[in-house]
Amino acid sequence: MLNEHIKGLSIISSLLAIAGLVLMFSSISFGTALGDSWLLNQVDGVADTSQYNMIVETYKNNFVITGSILFSAGILTAILTYYTAVLFGRKENNNIV
């Protein structure tokens, strides 16, 4: 049963880390796309350039921060999974012998 949990946590930690990296490295394209979408929703599709730049930077920063949190959670989960496997794997093996 422990091996099934370890396998599941390994998959989850890998997915979190990969999703975090994708969000961090794609933040420019995601932020620009959302900024363009915001611009199209403005009256006549016109807005101040400085305001548009601020909106795009805010979106980019949001994706970088979210990606960093997901990546950190994935790495932390992987580390904790490893140590759990090492600690509880020994106890489980000692009980069998």
C-alpha atoms as a PDB file:
ATOM      1  CA  MET A   1       0.000   0.000   0.000  1.00  0.00           C
ATOM      2  CA  LEU A   2       2.879   2.341   0.764  1.00  0.00           C
ATOM      3  CA  ASN A   3       4.293   1.831  -2.727  1.00  0.00           C
ATOM      4  CA  GLU A   4       0.960   2.864  -4.288  1.00  0.00           C
ATOM      5  CA  HIS A   5       0.928   6.084  -2.265  1.00  0.00           C
ATOM      6  CA  ILE A   6       4.539   6.802  -3.158  1.00  0.00           C
ATOM      7  CA  LYS A   7       3.807   6.247  -6.849  1.00  0.00           C
ATOM      8  CA  GLY A   8       0.770   8.551  -6.678  1.00  0.00           C
ATOM      9  CA  LEU A   9       2.668  11.281  -4.843  1.00  0.00           C
ATOM     10  CA  SER A  10       5.524  11.016  -7.323  1.00  0.00           C
ATOM     11  CA  ILE A  11       3.133  11.562 -10.214  1.00  0.00           C
ATOM     12  CA  ILE A  12       1.486  14.505  -8.457  1.00  0.00           C
ATOM     13  CA  SER A  13       4.818  16.125  -7.607  1.00  0.00           C
ATOM     14  CA  SER A  14       6.021  15.706 -11.198  1.00  0.00           C
ATOM     15  CA  LEU A  15       2.845  17.251 -12.583  1.00  0.00           C
ATOM     16  CA  LEU A  16       3.050  20.182 -10.167  1.00  0.00           C
ATOM     17  CA  ALA A  17       6.677  20.863 -11.048  1.00  0.00           C
ATOM     18  CA  ILE A  18       6.036  20.630 -14.795  1.00  0.00           C
ATOM     19  CA  ALA A  19       2.952  22.858 -14.589  1.00  0.00           C
ATOM     20  CA  GLY A  20       4.945  25.396 -12.575  1.00  0.00           C
ATOM     21  CA  LEU A  21       7.761  25.459 -15.120  1.00  0.00           C
ATOM     22  CA  VAL A  22       5.314  25.837 -18.003  1.00  0.00           C
ATOM     23  CA  LEU A  23       3.582  28.759 -16.288  1.00  0.00           C
ATOM     24  CA  MET A  24       6.865  30.461 -15.420  1.00  0.00           C
ATOM     25  CA  PHE A  25       8.428  30.145 -18.869  1.00  0.00           C
ATOM     26  CA  SER A  26       5.215  30.880 -20.790  1.00  0.00           C
ATOM     27  CA  SER A  27       4.246  33.850 -18.648  1.00  0.00           C
ATOM     28  CA  ILE A  28       5.178  36.352 -21.359  1.00  0.00           C
ATOM     29  CA  SER A  29       2.910  34.844 -24.002  1.00  0.00           C
ATOM     30  CA  PHE A  30       0.075  34.223 -21.516  1.00  0.00           C
ATOM     31  CA  GLY A  31       0.371  37.747 -20.097  1.00  0.00           C
ATOM     32  CA  THR A  32       0.437  39.331 -23.536  1.00  0.00           C
ATOM     33  CA  ALA A  33      -2.566  37.299 -24.680  1.00  0.00           C
ATOM     34  CA  LEU A  34      -4.585  38.310 -21.620  1.00  0.00           C
ATOM     35  CA  GLY A  35      -3.448  41.928 -22.038  1.00  0.00           C
ATOM     36  CA  ASP A  36      -4.619  41.900 -25.653  1.00  0.00           C
ATOM     37  CA  SER A  37      -7.929  40.407 -24.540  1.00  0.00           C
ATOM     38  CA  TRP A  38      -8.276  43.181 -21.970  1.00  0.00           C
ATOM     39  CA  LEU A  39      -7.518  45.777 -24.628  1.00  0.00           C
ATOM     40  CA  LEU A  40     -10.202  44.407 -26.953  1.00  0.00           C
ATOM     41  CA  ASN A  41     -12.771  44.697 -24.155  1.00  0.00           C
ATOM     42  CA  GLN A  42     -12.076  48.415 -23.723  1.00  0.00           C
ATOM     43  CA  VAL A  43     -14.291  51.041 -25.357  1.00  0.00           C
ATOM     44  CA  ASP A  44     -13.386  51.056 -29.087  1.00  0.00           C
ATOM     45  CA  GLY A  45     -10.372  48.852 -28.270  1.00  0.00           C
ATOM     46  CA  VAL A  46      -8.374  51.913 -27.232  1.00  0.00           C
ATOM     47  CA  ALA A  47      -6.523  52.459 -23.962  1.00  0.00           C
ATOM     48  CA  ASP A  48      -3.551  54.384 -22.661  1.00  0.00           C
ATOM     49  CA  THR A  49      -0.230  52.725 -23.496  1.00  0.00           C
ATOM     50  CA  SER A  50       1.098  52.932 -19.963  1.00  0.00           C
ATOM     51  CA  GLN A  51      -2.084  51.361 -18.622  1.00  0.00           C
ATOM     52  CA  TYR A  52      -1.854  48.539 -21.178  1.00  0.00           C
ATOM     53  CA  ASN A  53       1.787  47.910 -20.242  1.00  0.00           C
ATOM     54  CA  MET A  54       0.861  47.832 -16.562  1.00  0.00           C
ATOM     55  CA  ILE A  55      -1.919  45.302 -17.233  1.00  0.00           C
ATOM     56  CA  VAL A  56       0.425  43.053 -19.254  1.00  0.00           C
ATOM     57  CA  GLU A  57       3.147  43.244 -16.586  1.00  0.00           C
ATOM     58  CA  THR A  58       0.624  42.399 -13.885  1.00  0.00           C
ATOM     59  CA  TYR A  59      -0.591  39.353 -15.798  1.00  0.00           C
ATOM     60  CA  LYS A  60       2.992  38.220 -16.447  1.00  0.00           C
ATOM     61  CA  ASN A  61       3.894  38.602 -12.778  1.00  0.00           C
ATOM     62  CA  ASN A  62       0.791  36.648 -11.758  1.00  0.00           C
ATOM     63  CA  PHE A  63       1.807  33.729 -13.973  1.00  0.00           C
ATOM     64  CA  VAL A  64       5.391  33.793 -12.713  1.00  0.00           C
ATOM     65  CA  ILE A  65       4.249  33.808  -9.085  1.00  0.00           C
ATOM     66  CA  THR A  66       1.670  31.060  -9.633  1.00  0.00           C
ATOM     67  CA  GLY A  67       4.216  28.965 -11.527  1.00  0.00           C
ATOM     68  CA  SER A  68       6.806  29.448  -8.793  1.00  0.00           C
ATOM     69  CA  ILE A  69       4.338  28.333  -6.136  1.00  0.00           C
ATOM     70  CA  LEU A  70       3.355  25.237  -8.122  1.00  0.00           C
ATOM     71  CA  PHE A  71       6.986  24.375  -8.880  1.00  0.00           C
ATOM     72  CA  SER A  72       7.962  24.785  -5.226  1.00  0.00           C
ATOM     73  CA  ALA A  73       5.019  22.656  -4.100  1.00  0.00           C
ATOM     74  CA  GLY A  74       6.039  19.953  -6.575  1.00  0.00           C
ATOM     75  CA  ILE A  75       9.651  19.920  -5.407  1.00  0.00           C
ATOM     76  CA  LEU A  76       8.624  19.936  -1.748  1.00  0.00           C
ATOM     77  CA  THR A  77       6.192  17.073  -2.347  1.00  0.00           C
ATOM     78  CA  ALA A  78       8.908  15.104  -4.133  1.00  0.00           C
ATOM     79  CA  ILE A  79      11.358  15.618  -1.264  1.00  0.00           C
ATOM     80  CA  LEU A  80       8.807  14.671   1.378  1.00  0.00           C
ATOM     81  CA  THR A  81       7.750  11.627  -0.643  1.00  0.00           C
ATOM     82  CA  TYR A  82      11.354  10.491  -0.896  1.00  0.00           C
ATOM     83  CA  TYR A  83      11.986  10.835   2.830  1.00  0.00           C
ATOM     84  CA  THR A  84       8.691   9.153   3.662  1.00  0.00           C
ATOM     85  CA  ALA A  85       9.623   6.231   1.425  1.00  0.00           C
ATOM     86  CA  VAL A  86      13.031   5.948   3.050  1.00  0.00           C
ATOM     87  CA  LEU A  87      11.760   6.161   6.632  1.00  0.00           C
ATOM     88  CA  PHE A  88       8.596   4.101   6.408  1.00  0.00           C
ATOM     89  CA  GLY A  89       9.967   1.724   3.799  1.00  0.00           C
ATOM     90  CA  ARG A  90      12.588   0.517   6.309  1.00  0.00           C
ATOM     91  CA  LYS A  91      10.016  -0.073   9.025  1.00  0.00           C
ATOM     92  CA  GLU A  92       7.795  -1.995   6.632  1.00  0.00           C
ATOM     93  CA  ASN A  93      10.713  -4.135   5.463  1.00  0.00           C
ATOM     94  CA  ASN A  94      11.864  -4.800   9.051  1.00  0.00           C
ATOM     95  CA  ASN A  95       8.405  -6.011  10.056  1.00  0.00           C
ATOM     96  CA  ILE A  96       8.367  -8.555   7.224  1.00  0.00           C
ATOM     97  CA  VAL A  97      11.706 -10.097   8.216  1.00  0.00           C
END
